[in-house]
Amino acid sequence: MVMNPVSDKLYSPSPFFVWSAMISVYVVWGSTYLAIRIAVQTMPPFLMAGARFLIAGSVLYLVGRVSGNPKPSRKEWQSAAVVGLLLLLGGNGGVVWAEQWVPSGIAALLVATAPLWMILIDILHPSGRRPHGWVIWGVGLGFIGILILIDPLQSVSAKETIDPAGAGVLVIASLLWSIGSLYSRKAKLPKSPLLGTGMEMLAGGLGLLILGVLTGELERLSLHNISRSSWFGWLYLVVFGSWIGFSAYTWLLRSAPTPLVSTYAYVNPIVAVLLGYFLADEPLTLRIFIAASMVVGSVALISITQQGSLSLKRRRIKNGE
């Protein structure tokens, strides 16, 4: 049960609505990797992503303001800009660039390693928390999965080789996403998630557009050469990825148990791999299957262990231990 923000009474959301929202997050966010791959086939990646987030962010910001949220302060704009640049310019920007050469399923698996980087950063930080033993095992398992997936020694056939530059950029993108996520925990942001995310999208979208211009994408842009499928892919990212998927996710954060909501982190890459295999004829070899199992398994292990530790800590506090 959760609190009704209007009446301050406890209410239980219908399991039907909860699972409808969960399936939406699973499928929509898992499918955005394939939509990105389709969009960048004939669209410049940075301009494509920049336009997506500027449009999506503008709508979210306006809805947040019309809903009665106060005007953001200068400090909140600064924090939102840092988060938006790290998550969207650094994180998503790396994804859209790399997916010009890397299959969408592989991209999703490498991006899914963000929790591993977050744990590693926390361990190395002077004031970081000592993680549970199972979490350390999870991090190790995940990084072994990354090595098997990327195969830096090029021990497999040329048909199974993943573009090394694209894979490297995806790893950096996942790291930047992790840094942005950790920063956002203590950053001064608006209380409204809708308003804050809109601000982050505006900042990240502007950064992506500037990067696109600086890398010469504007000169290469030709609206006549953009295919219909790329337009559909871009529209899907705006409507389903940024609006529907995010709205379902923010509702779930307030209406469903956190352990259930967190499962999207290891379901999304599975959805992405399967969609890439069945809809885009992307490879799914034994090596990729083993690496995917290790990466997804490590994220699931970390998530479940952390949720268990948090629940134990809350019980101890409640019991006065």
C-alpha atoms as a PDB file:
ATOM      1  CA  MET A   1       0.000   0.000   0.000  1.00  0.00           C
ATOM      2  CA  VAL A   2       1.067   3.598  -0.642  1.00  0.00           C
ATOM      3  CA  MET A   3      -0.149   7.019   0.381  1.00  0.00           C
ATOM      4  CA  ASN A   4      -2.644   8.797  -1.823  1.00  0.00           C
ATOM      5  CA  PRO A   5      -1.030  12.232  -2.380  1.00  0.00           C
ATOM      6  CA  VAL A   6      -4.455  13.893  -2.576  1.00  0.00           C
ATOM      7  CA  SER A   7      -6.359  12.396   0.327  1.00  0.00           C
ATOM      8  CA  ASP A   8      -3.392  11.220   2.480  1.00  0.00           C
ATOM      9  CA  LYS A   9      -5.101   7.835   2.779  1.00  0.00           C
ATOM     10  CA  LEU A  10      -3.556   4.468   2.141  1.00  0.00           C
ATOM     11  CA  TYR A  11      -4.569   2.738  -1.059  1.00  0.00           C
ATOM     12  CA  SER A  12      -3.446  -0.345  -2.965  1.00  0.00           C
ATOM     13  CA  PRO A  13      -3.034   0.065  -6.715  1.00  0.00           C
ATOM     14  CA  SER A  14      -4.604  -2.678  -8.806  1.00  0.00           C
ATOM     15  CA  PRO A  15      -2.186  -5.512  -9.690  1.00  0.00           C
ATOM     16  CA  PHE A  16      -3.479  -5.198 -13.243  1.00  0.00           C
ATOM     17  CA  PHE A  17      -2.284  -1.580 -13.499  1.00  0.00           C
ATOM     18  CA  VAL A  18       1.007  -2.361 -11.756  1.00  0.00           C
ATOM     19  CA  TRP A  19       1.853  -5.187 -14.116  1.00  0.00           C
ATOM     20  CA  SER A  20       0.607  -3.271 -17.143  1.00  0.00           C
ATOM     21  CA  ALA A  21       3.068  -0.511 -16.232  1.00  0.00           C
ATOM     22  CA  MET A  22       5.853  -3.043 -15.558  1.00  0.00           C
ATOM     23  CA  ILE A  23       5.345  -4.730 -18.924  1.00  0.00           C
ATOM     24  CA  SER A  24       5.351  -1.293 -20.543  1.00  0.00           C
ATOM     25  CA  VAL A  25       8.719  -0.486 -18.965  1.00  0.00           C
ATOM     26  CA  TYR A  26      10.096  -3.937 -19.809  1.00  0.00           C
ATOM     27  CA  VAL A  27       9.088  -3.869 -23.466  1.00  0.00           C
ATOM     28  CA  VAL A  28       9.294  -0.144 -24.262  1.00  0.00           C
ATOM     29  CA  TRP A  29      12.677   0.542 -22.686  1.00  0.00           C
ATOM     30  CA  GLY A  30      14.024  -2.782 -23.910  1.00  0.00           C
ATOM     31  CA  SER A  31      12.930  -1.942 -27.461  1.00  0.00           C
ATOM     32  CA  THR A  32      14.476   1.536 -27.560  1.00  0.00           C
ATOM     33  CA  TYR A  33      17.866   0.021 -28.470  1.00  0.00           C
ATOM     34  CA  LEU A  34      16.422  -1.457 -31.645  1.00  0.00           C
ATOM     35  CA  ALA A  35      14.597   1.825 -32.366  1.00  0.00           C
ATOM     36  CA  ILE A  36      17.913   3.695 -32.016  1.00  0.00           C
ATOM     37  CA  ARG A  37      19.604   1.323 -34.424  1.00  0.00           C
ATOM     38  CA  ILE A  38      16.842   1.856 -36.984  1.00  0.00           C
ATOM     39  CA  ALA A  39      16.867   5.634 -36.505  1.00  0.00           C
ATOM     40  CA  VAL A  40      20.641   6.071 -36.957  1.00  0.00           C
ATOM     41  CA  GLN A  41      20.651   4.115 -40.216  1.00  0.00           C
ATOM     42  CA  THR A  42      19.801   7.316 -42.101  1.00  0.00           C
ATOM     43  CA  MET A  43      19.846   9.982 -39.348  1.00  0.00           C
ATOM     44  CA  PRO A  44      22.964  11.631 -37.850  1.00  0.00           C
ATOM     45  CA  PRO A  45      23.131  10.111 -34.333  1.00  0.00           C
ATOM     46  CA  PHE A  46      23.762  13.194 -32.194  1.00  0.00           C
ATOM     47  CA  LEU A  47      21.256  15.416 -33.998  1.00  0.00           C
ATOM     48  CA  MET A  48      18.691  12.605 -33.877  1.00  0.00           C
ATOM     49  CA  ALA A  49      19.084  12.136 -30.130  1.00  0.00           C
ATOM     50  CA  GLY A  50      19.306  15.871 -29.448  1.00  0.00           C
ATOM     51  CA  ALA A  51      16.024  16.593 -31.237  1.00  0.00           C
ATOM     52  CA  ARG A  52      14.390  13.671 -29.423  1.00  0.00           C
ATOM     53  CA  PHE A  53      15.296  14.889 -25.957  1.00  0.00           C
ATOM     54  CA  LEU A  54      14.598  18.558 -26.644  1.00  0.00           C
ATOM     55  CA  ILE A  55      11.060  17.761 -27.798  1.00  0.00           C
ATOM     56  CA  ALA A  56      10.398  15.188 -25.079  1.00  0.00           C
ATOM     57  CA  GLY A  57      11.972  17.383 -22.396  1.00  0.00           C
ATOM     58  CA  SER A  58       9.990  20.463 -23.424  1.00  0.00           C
ATOM     59  CA  VAL A  59       6.706  18.587 -23.034  1.00  0.00           C
ATOM     60  CA  LEU A  60       7.670  17.079 -19.669  1.00  0.00           C
ATOM     61  CA  TYR A  61       8.852  20.451 -18.378  1.00  0.00           C
ATOM     62  CA  LEU A  62       5.657  22.223 -19.473  1.00  0.00           C
ATOM     63  CA  VAL A  63       3.466  19.496 -17.946  1.00  0.00           C
ATOM     64  CA  GLY A  64       5.459  19.732 -14.723  1.00  0.00           C
ATOM     65  CA  ARG A  65       5.032  23.505 -14.537  1.00  0.00           C
ATOM     66  CA  VAL A  66       1.336  23.445 -15.478  1.00  0.00           C
ATOM     67  CA  SER A  67       0.785  20.841 -12.744  1.00  0.00           C
ATOM     68  CA  GLY A  68       1.641  23.508 -10.178  1.00  0.00           C
ATOM     69  CA  ASN A  69       5.311  22.842  -9.488  1.00  0.00           C
ATOM     70  CA  PRO A  70       7.327  25.976  -8.614  1.00  0.00           C
ATOM     71  CA  LYS A  71       9.789  27.541 -11.036  1.00  0.00           C
ATOM     72  CA  PRO A  72      13.178  25.781 -10.704  1.00  0.00           C
ATOM     73  CA  SER A  73      15.954  27.708  -9.020  1.00  0.00           C
ATOM     74  CA  ARG A  74      19.305  28.452 -10.614  1.00  0.00           C
ATOM     75  CA  LYS A  75      20.936  25.763  -8.472  1.00  0.00           C
ATOM     76  CA  GLU A  76      18.367  23.205  -9.594  1.00  0.00           C
ATOM     77  CA  TRP A  77      19.023  24.097 -13.242  1.00  0.00           C
ATOM     78  CA  GLN A  78      22.766  23.696 -12.687  1.00  0.00           C
ATOM     79  CA  SER A  79      22.310  20.279 -11.091  1.00  0.00           C
ATOM     80  CA  ALA A  80      19.885  19.178 -13.812  1.00  0.00           C
ATOM     81  CA  ALA A  81      22.366  20.313 -16.466  1.00  0.00           C
ATOM     82  CA  VAL A  82      25.166  18.220 -14.941  1.00  0.00           C
ATOM     83  CA  VAL A  83      22.926  15.155 -14.667  1.00  0.00           C
ATOM     84  CA  GLY A  84      21.522  15.649 -18.171  1.00  0.00           C
ATOM     85  CA  LEU A  85      24.950  16.056 -19.754  1.00  0.00           C
ATOM     86  CA  LEU A  86      26.326  12.953 -18.027  1.00  0.00           C
ATOM     87  CA  LEU A  87      23.302  10.727 -18.632  1.00  0.00           C
ATOM     88  CA  LEU A  88      22.139  11.895 -22.061  1.00  0.00           C
ATOM     89  CA  LEU A  89      25.145  13.513 -23.739  1.00  0.00           C
ATOM     90  CA  GLY A  90      27.664  11.079 -22.287  1.00  0.00           C
ATOM     91  CA  GLY A  91      25.514   7.985 -21.772  1.00  0.00           C
ATOM     92  CA  ASN A  92      22.890   8.058 -24.509  1.00  0.00           C
ATOM     93  CA  GLY A  93      25.195   9.945 -26.877  1.00  0.00           C
ATOM     94  CA  GLY A  94      27.672   7.090 -26.722  1.00  0.00           C
ATOM     95  CA  VAL A  95      24.896   4.576 -27.372  1.00  0.00           C
ATOM     96  CA  VAL A  96      23.495   6.316 -30.468  1.00  0.00           C
ATOM     97  CA  TRP A  97      26.987   6.761 -31.924  1.00  0.00           C
ATOM     98  CA  ALA A  98      28.052   3.157 -31.248  1.00  0.00           C
ATOM     99  CA  GLU A  99      24.863   1.602 -32.617  1.00  0.00           C
ATOM    100  CA  GLN A 100      25.919   2.659 -36.099  1.00  0.00           C
ATOM    101  CA  TRP A 101      28.180  -0.415 -35.951  1.00  0.00           C
ATOM    102  CA  VAL A 102      27.252  -2.446 -32.851  1.00  0.00           C
ATOM    103  CA  PRO A 103      24.056  -4.597 -32.775  1.00  0.00           C
ATOM    104  CA  SER A 104      21.323  -3.224 -30.523  1.00  0.00           C
ATOM    105  CA  GLY A 105      21.283  -6.305 -28.277  1.00  0.00           C
ATOM    106  CA  ILE A 106      25.026  -6.075 -27.622  1.00  0.00           C
ATOM    107  CA  ALA A 107      24.662  -2.351 -26.910  1.00  0.00           C
ATOM    108  CA  ALA A 108      21.922  -3.070 -24.369  1.00  0.00           C
ATOM    109  CA  LEU A 109      24.085  -5.651 -22.590  1.00  0.00           C
ATOM    110  CA  LEU A 110      27.046  -3.287 -22.309  1.00  0.00           C
ATOM    111  CA  VAL A 111      24.837  -0.452 -21.064  1.00  0.00           C
ATOM    112  CA  ALA A 112      23.278  -2.831 -18.527  1.00  0.00           C
ATOM    113  CA  THR A 113      26.647  -2.946 -16.741  1.00  0.00           C
ATOM    114  CA  ALA A 114      25.998   0.510 -15.229  1.00  0.00           C
ATOM    115  CA  PRO A 115      25.227  -0.987 -11.765  1.00  0.00           C
ATOM    116  CA  LEU A 116      28.636  -2.705 -11.847  1.00  0.00           C
ATOM    117  CA  TRP A 117      30.384   0.629 -12.403  1.00  0.00           C
ATOM    118  CA  MET A 118      28.315   2.249  -9.657  1.00  0.00           C
ATOM    119  CA  ILE A 119      29.402  -0.406  -7.166  1.00  0.00           C
ATOM    120  CA  LEU A 120      33.050  -0.121  -8.264  1.00  0.00           C
ATOM    121  CA  ILE A 121      32.993   3.683  -7.961  1.00  0.00           C
ATOM    122  CA  ASP A 122      31.450   3.374  -4.518  1.00  0.00           C
ATOM    123  CA  ILE A 123      34.166   0.917  -3.446  1.00  0.00           C
ATOM    124  CA  LEU A 124      36.997   3.163  -4.677  1.00  0.00           C
ATOM    125  CA  HIS A 125      35.530   6.345  -3.173  1.00  0.00           C
ATOM    126  CA  PRO A 126      37.181   7.271   0.180  1.00  0.00           C
ATOM    127  CA  SER A 127      33.798   7.589   1.898  1.00  0.00           C
ATOM    128  CA  GLY A 128      32.193   4.738  -0.024  1.00  0.00           C
ATOM    129  CA  ARG A 129      30.311   1.894   1.602  1.00  0.00           C
ATOM    130  CA  ARG A 130      31.750  -1.603   1.936  1.00  0.00           C
ATOM    131  CA  PRO A 131      29.559  -3.825  -0.259  1.00  0.00           C
ATOM    132  CA  HIS A 132      28.203  -7.242   0.661  1.00  0.00           C
ATOM    133  CA  GLY A 133      30.321 -10.226  -0.388  1.00  0.00           C
ATOM    134  CA  TRP A 134      27.745 -11.364  -2.918  1.00  0.00           C
ATOM    135  CA  VAL A 135      27.811  -7.906  -4.505  1.00  0.00           C
ATOM    136  CA  ILE A 136      31.563  -8.212  -5.065  1.00  0.00           C
ATOM    137  CA  TRP A 137      31.008 -11.616  -6.671  1.00  0.00           C
ATOM    138  CA  GLY A 138      28.344 -10.039  -8.856  1.00  0.00           C
ATOM    139  CA  VAL A 139      30.698  -7.285 -10.020  1.00  0.00           C
ATOM    140  CA  GLY A 140      33.398  -9.838 -10.858  1.00  0.00           C
ATOM    141  CA  LEU A 141      30.945 -12.023 -12.753  1.00  0.00           C
ATOM    142  CA  GLY A 142      29.685  -9.043 -14.720  1.00  0.00           C
ATOM    143  CA  PHE A 143      33.113  -7.856 -15.817  1.00  0.00           C
ATOM    144  CA  ILE A 144      34.082 -11.368 -16.908  1.00  0.00           C
ATOM    145  CA  GLY A 145      30.893 -11.373 -18.980  1.00  0.00           C
ATOM    146  CA  ILE A 146      31.963  -8.066 -20.565  1.00  0.00           C
ATOM    147  CA  LEU A 147      35.359  -9.506 -21.513  1.00  0.00           C
ATOM    148  CA  ILE A 148      33.732 -12.571 -23.077  1.00  0.00           C
ATOM    149  CA  LEU A 149      31.284 -10.343 -24.946  1.00  0.00           C
ATOM    150  CA  ILE A 150      33.834  -7.846 -26.289  1.00  0.00           C
ATOM    151  CA  ASP A 151      36.585 -10.464 -26.753  1.00  0.00           C
ATOM    152  CA  PRO A 152      39.550  -8.022 -26.733  1.00  0.00           C
ATOM    153  CA  LEU A 153      41.944 -10.765 -27.891  1.00  0.00           C
ATOM    154  CA  GLN A 154      39.794 -11.362 -31.013  1.00  0.00           C
ATOM    155  CA  SER A 155      39.764 -15.111 -30.396  1.00  0.00           C
ATOM    156  CA  VAL A 156      36.537 -15.734 -32.310  1.00  0.00           C
ATOM    157  CA  SER A 157      35.712 -15.710 -36.004  1.00  0.00           C
ATOM    158  CA  ALA A 158      35.336 -12.462 -37.914  1.00  0.00           C
ATOM    159  CA  LYS A 159      31.563 -12.989 -38.134  1.00  0.00           C
ATOM    160  CA  GLU A 160      31.296 -12.858 -34.333  1.00  0.00           C
ATOM    161  CA  THR A 161      33.658  -9.924 -33.851  1.00  0.00           C
ATOM    162  CA  ILE A 162      32.159  -6.819 -32.252  1.00  0.00           C
ATOM    163  CA  ASP A 163      33.427  -3.443 -33.447  1.00  0.00           C
ATOM    164  CA  PRO A 164      36.087  -2.565 -30.818  1.00  0.00           C
ATOM    165  CA  ALA A 165      35.636   1.213 -31.085  1.00  0.00           C
ATOM    166  CA  GLY A 166      31.879   0.922 -30.687  1.00  0.00           C
ATOM    167  CA  ALA A 167      32.231  -1.482 -27.761  1.00  0.00           C
ATOM    168  CA  GLY A 168      34.744   0.827 -26.084  1.00  0.00           C
ATOM    169  CA  VAL A 169      32.448   3.842 -26.462  1.00  0.00           C
ATOM    170  CA  LEU A 170      29.550   1.832 -24.990  1.00  0.00           C
ATOM    171  CA  VAL A 171      31.638   0.923 -21.946  1.00  0.00           C
ATOM    172  CA  ILE A 172      32.546   4.606 -21.461  1.00  0.00           C
ATOM    173  CA  ALA A 173      28.887   5.557 -21.965  1.00  0.00           C
ATOM    174  CA  SER A 174      27.857   3.104 -19.249  1.00  0.00           C
ATOM    175  CA  LEU A 175      30.505   4.566 -16.921  1.00  0.00           C
ATOM    176  CA  LEU A 176      29.310   8.147 -17.553  1.00  0.00           C
ATOM    177  CA  TRP A 177      25.715   7.043 -16.959  1.00  0.00           C
ATOM    178  CA  SER A 178      26.813   5.559 -13.621  1.00  0.00           C
ATOM    179  CA  ILE A 179      28.599   8.759 -12.587  1.00  0.00           C
ATOM    180  CA  GLY A 180      25.536  10.798 -13.516  1.00  0.00           C
ATOM    181  CA  SER A 181      23.262   8.460 -11.563  1.00  0.00           C
ATOM    182  CA  LEU A 182      25.448   8.674  -8.457  1.00  0.00           C
ATOM    183  CA  TYR A 183      25.663  12.455  -8.737  1.00  0.00           C
ATOM    184  CA  SER A 184      21.885  12.770  -9.045  1.00  0.00           C
ATOM    185  CA  ARG A 185      21.383  11.073  -5.673  1.00  0.00           C
ATOM    186  CA  LYS A 186      22.675  14.111  -3.761  1.00  0.00           C
ATOM    187  CA  ALA A 187      22.141  16.813  -6.368  1.00  0.00           C
ATOM    188  CA  LYS A 188      19.692  19.626  -5.640  1.00  0.00           C
ATOM    189  CA  LEU A 189      16.871  18.832  -8.074  1.00  0.00           C
ATOM    190  CA  PRO A 190      13.146  19.699  -8.142  1.00  0.00           C
ATOM    191  CA  LYS A 191      10.915  17.534  -5.950  1.00  0.00           C
ATOM    192  CA  SER A 192       8.830  16.674  -9.007  1.00  0.00           C
ATOM    193  CA  PRO A 193      10.490  13.818 -10.969  1.00  0.00           C
ATOM    194  CA  LEU A 194       8.569  14.917 -14.051  1.00  0.00           C
ATOM    195  CA  LEU A 195       9.899  18.467 -13.910  1.00  0.00           C
ATOM    196  CA  GLY A 196      13.440  17.365 -13.048  1.00  0.00           C
ATOM    197  CA  THR A 197      13.610  14.860 -15.874  1.00  0.00           C
ATOM    198  CA  GLY A 198      12.281  17.451 -18.318  1.00  0.00           C
ATOM    199  CA  MET A 199      15.086  19.813 -17.280  1.00  0.00           C
ATOM    200  CA  GLU A 200      17.687  17.052 -17.642  1.00  0.00           C
ATOM    201  CA  MET A 201      16.380  16.201 -21.118  1.00  0.00           C
ATOM    202  CA  LEU A 202      16.528  19.849 -22.168  1.00  0.00           C
ATOM    203  CA  ALA A 203      20.148  20.169 -21.010  1.00  0.00           C
ATOM    204  CA  GLY A 204      21.229  16.840 -22.481  1.00  0.00           C
ATOM    205  CA  GLY A 205      19.340  17.450 -25.724  1.00  0.00           C
ATOM    206  CA  LEU A 206      20.997  20.848 -26.182  1.00  0.00           C
ATOM    207  CA  GLY A 207      24.401  19.291 -25.509  1.00  0.00           C
ATOM    208  CA  LEU A 208      23.749  16.580 -28.106  1.00  0.00           C
ATOM    209  CA  LEU A 209      22.697  19.154 -30.712  1.00  0.00           C
ATOM    210  CA  ILE A 210      25.856  21.197 -30.103  1.00  0.00           C
ATOM    211  CA  LEU A 211      27.993  18.062 -30.367  1.00  0.00           C
ATOM    212  CA  GLY A 212      26.241  17.168 -33.619  1.00  0.00           C
ATOM    213  CA  VAL A 213      26.990  20.587 -35.072  1.00  0.00           C
ATOM    214  CA  LEU A 214      30.629  20.489 -33.921  1.00  0.00           C
ATOM    215  CA  THR A 215      31.163  17.054 -35.509  1.00  0.00           C
ATOM    216  CA  GLY A 216      29.767  18.209 -38.867  1.00  0.00           C
ATOM    217  CA  GLU A 217      26.460  16.330 -38.718  1.00  0.00           C
ATOM    218  CA  LEU A 218      24.492  19.389 -39.780  1.00  0.00           C
ATOM    219  CA  GLU A 219      26.354  19.498 -43.080  1.00  0.00           C
ATOM    220  CA  ARG A 220      25.648  15.815 -43.672  1.00  0.00           C
ATOM    221  CA  LEU A 221      21.975  16.059 -42.728  1.00  0.00           C
ATOM    222  CA  SER A 222      19.577  15.571 -45.629  1.00  0.00           C
ATOM    223  CA  LEU A 223      15.890  15.266 -44.788  1.00  0.00           C
ATOM    224  CA  HIS A 224      15.207  13.768 -48.231  1.00  0.00           C
ATOM    225  CA  ASN A 225      17.589  10.877 -47.522  1.00  0.00           C
ATOM    226  CA  ILE A 226      16.031   9.922 -44.186  1.00  0.00           C
ATOM    227  CA  SER A 227      14.100   6.687 -44.617  1.00  0.00           C
ATOM    228  CA  ARG A 228      10.552   6.153 -43.406  1.00  0.00           C
ATOM    229  CA  SER A 229      11.738   3.460 -40.991  1.00  0.00           C
ATOM    230  CA  SER A 230      14.219   5.896 -39.409  1.00  0.00           C
ATOM    231  CA  TRP A 231      11.448   8.463 -38.944  1.00  0.00           C
ATOM    232  CA  PHE A 232       9.291   5.799 -37.279  1.00  0.00           C
ATOM    233  CA  GLY A 233      12.219   4.766 -35.088  1.00  0.00           C
ATOM    234  CA  TRP A 234      12.795   8.370 -33.992  1.00  0.00           C
ATOM    235  CA  LEU A 235       9.080   8.954 -33.347  1.00  0.00           C
ATOM    236  CA  TYR A 236       8.931   5.742 -31.301  1.00  0.00           C
ATOM    237  CA  LEU A 237      11.830   6.999 -29.152  1.00  0.00           C
ATOM    238  CA  VAL A 238      10.064  10.301 -28.470  1.00  0.00           C
ATOM    239  CA  VAL A 239       6.568   8.972 -27.785  1.00  0.00           C
ATOM    240  CA  PHE A 240       7.155   5.544 -26.282  1.00  0.00           C
ATOM    241  CA  GLY A 241      10.714   5.751 -24.963  1.00  0.00           C
ATOM    242  CA  SER A 242      10.621   9.240 -23.441  1.00  0.00           C
ATOM    243  CA  TRP A 243       6.941   9.824 -22.622  1.00  0.00           C
ATOM    244  CA  ILE A 244       5.101   6.527 -22.120  1.00  0.00           C
ATOM    245  CA  GLY A 245       8.023   4.539 -20.713  1.00  0.00           C
ATOM    246  CA  PHE A 246       9.098   7.290 -18.343  1.00  0.00           C
ATOM    247  CA  SER A 247       5.557   8.034 -17.172  1.00  0.00           C
ATOM    248  CA  ALA A 248       5.005   4.346 -16.370  1.00  0.00           C
ATOM    249  CA  TYR A 249       8.345   4.198 -14.543  1.00  0.00           C
ATOM    250  CA  THR A 250       7.715   7.280 -12.372  1.00  0.00           C
ATOM    251  CA  TRP A 251       4.233   5.992 -11.489  1.00  0.00           C
ATOM    252  CA  LEU A 252       5.696   2.637 -10.489  1.00  0.00           C
ATOM    253  CA  LEU A 253       8.271   4.306  -8.227  1.00  0.00           C
ATOM    254  CA  ARG A 254       5.380   5.758  -6.217  1.00  0.00           C
ATOM    255  CA  SER A 255       2.927   2.846  -6.475  1.00  0.00           C
ATOM    256  CA  ALA A 256       4.847  -0.455  -6.577  1.00  0.00           C
ATOM    257  CA  PRO A 257       7.474  -2.175  -4.397  1.00  0.00           C
ATOM    258  CA  THR A 258      11.003  -1.035  -5.209  1.00  0.00           C
ATOM    259  CA  PRO A 259      12.374  -4.598  -5.650  1.00  0.00           C
ATOM    260  CA  LEU A 260       9.757  -5.223  -8.337  1.00  0.00           C
ATOM    261  CA  VAL A 261      10.461  -1.939 -10.148  1.00  0.00           C
ATOM    262  CA  SER A 262      14.226  -2.545 -10.094  1.00  0.00           C
ATOM    263  CA  THR A 263      13.822  -5.736 -12.135  1.00  0.00           C
ATOM    264  CA  TYR A 264      13.691  -3.602 -15.298  1.00  0.00           C
ATOM    265  CA  ALA A 265      17.491  -3.266 -15.077  1.00  0.00           C
ATOM    266  CA  TYR A 266      18.035  -6.929 -15.963  1.00  0.00           C
ATOM    267  CA  VAL A 267      14.888  -7.546 -18.010  1.00  0.00           C
ATOM    268  CA  ASN A 268      15.522  -4.725 -20.524  1.00  0.00           C
ATOM    269  CA  PRO A 269      18.731  -6.223 -21.986  1.00  0.00           C
ATOM    270  CA  ILE A 270      17.022  -9.603 -22.401  1.00  0.00           C
ATOM    271  CA  VAL A 271      14.171  -7.937 -24.291  1.00  0.00           C
ATOM    272  CA  ALA A 272      16.673  -5.984 -26.413  1.00  0.00           C
ATOM    273  CA  VAL A 273      18.664  -9.097 -27.343  1.00  0.00           C
ATOM    274  CA  LEU A 274      15.535 -11.066 -28.286  1.00  0.00           C
ATOM    275  CA  LEU A 275      14.043  -8.209 -30.327  1.00  0.00           C
ATOM    276  CA  GLY A 276      17.341  -7.695 -32.129  1.00  0.00           C
ATOM    277  CA  TYR A 277      17.553 -11.399 -32.918  1.00  0.00           C
ATOM    278  CA  PHE A 278      13.974 -11.894 -34.128  1.00  0.00           C
ATOM    279  CA  LEU A 279      13.278  -8.520 -35.755  1.00  0.00           C
ATOM    280  CA  ALA A 280      16.675  -7.340 -37.009  1.00  0.00           C
ATOM    281  CA  ASP A 281      18.491 -10.633 -37.631  1.00  0.00           C
ATOM    282  CA  GLU A 282      21.187  -9.746 -35.096  1.00  0.00           C
ATOM    283  CA  PRO A 283      23.569 -12.525 -34.017  1.00  0.00           C
ATOM    284  CA  LEU A 284      22.852 -14.658 -30.949  1.00  0.00           C
ATOM    285  CA  THR A 285      25.733 -17.095 -30.752  1.00  0.00           C
ATOM    286  CA  LEU A 286      26.684 -19.368 -27.867  1.00  0.00           C
ATOM    287  CA  ARG A 287      29.386 -16.888 -26.799  1.00  0.00           C
ATOM    288  CA  ILE A 288      26.908 -13.997 -26.745  1.00  0.00           C
ATOM    289  CA  PHE A 289      24.384 -16.152 -24.850  1.00  0.00           C
ATOM    290  CA  ILE A 290      26.964 -17.070 -22.183  1.00  0.00           C
ATOM    291  CA  ALA A 291      28.175 -13.464 -21.846  1.00  0.00           C
ATOM    292  CA  ALA A 292      24.601 -12.172 -21.699  1.00  0.00           C
ATOM    293  CA  SER A 293      23.720 -14.679 -18.974  1.00  0.00           C
ATOM    294  CA  MET A 294      26.727 -13.564 -16.925  1.00  0.00           C
ATOM    295  CA  VAL A 295      26.037  -9.831 -17.329  1.00  0.00           C
ATOM    296  CA  VAL A 296      22.287 -10.077 -16.641  1.00  0.00           C
ATOM    297  CA  GLY A 297      22.889 -12.541 -13.807  1.00  0.00           C
ATOM    298  CA  SER A 298      25.425 -10.219 -12.179  1.00  0.00           C
ATOM    299  CA  VAL A 299      23.033  -7.252 -12.314  1.00  0.00           C
ATOM    300  CA  ALA A 300      20.237  -9.389 -10.862  1.00  0.00           C
ATOM    301  CA  LEU A 301      22.528 -10.686  -8.090  1.00  0.00           C
ATOM    302  CA  ILE A 302      23.608  -7.162  -7.154  1.00  0.00           C
ATOM    303  CA  SER A 303      20.052  -5.830  -7.200  1.00  0.00           C
ATOM    304  CA  ILE A 304      18.603  -8.665  -5.103  1.00  0.00           C
ATOM    305  CA  THR A 305      21.492  -8.550  -2.594  1.00  0.00           C
ATOM    306  CA  GLN A 306      21.251  -4.790  -2.149  1.00  0.00           C
ATOM    307  CA  GLN A 307      17.483  -4.929  -1.701  1.00  0.00           C
ATOM    308  CA  GLY A 308      17.921  -7.669   0.888  1.00  0.00           C
ATOM    309  CA  SER A 309      20.554  -5.657   2.781  1.00  0.00           C
ATOM    310  CA  LEU A 310      18.348  -2.563   2.709  1.00  0.00           C
ATOM    311  CA  SER A 311      15.345  -4.495   4.057  1.00  0.00           C
ATOM    312  CA  LEU A 312      17.490  -5.962   6.863  1.00  0.00           C
ATOM    313  CA  LYS A 313      18.791  -2.508   7.766  1.00  0.00           C
ATOM    314  CA  ARG A 314      15.257  -1.105   7.923  1.00  0.00           C
ATOM    315  CA  ARG A 315      14.111  -3.948  10.174  1.00  0.00           C
ATOM    316  CA  ARG A 316      17.041  -3.334  12.525  1.00  0.00           C
ATOM    317  CA  ILE A 317      16.244   0.369  12.713  1.00  0.00           C
ATOM    318  CA  LYS A 318      12.572  -0.394  13.356  1.00  0.00           C
ATOM    319  CA  ASN A 319      13.508  -2.819  16.138  1.00  0.00           C
ATOM    320  CA  GLY A 320      15.930  -0.310  17.675  1.00  0.00           C
ATOM    321  CA  GLU A 321      19.003  -2.428  17.070  1.00  0.00           C
END
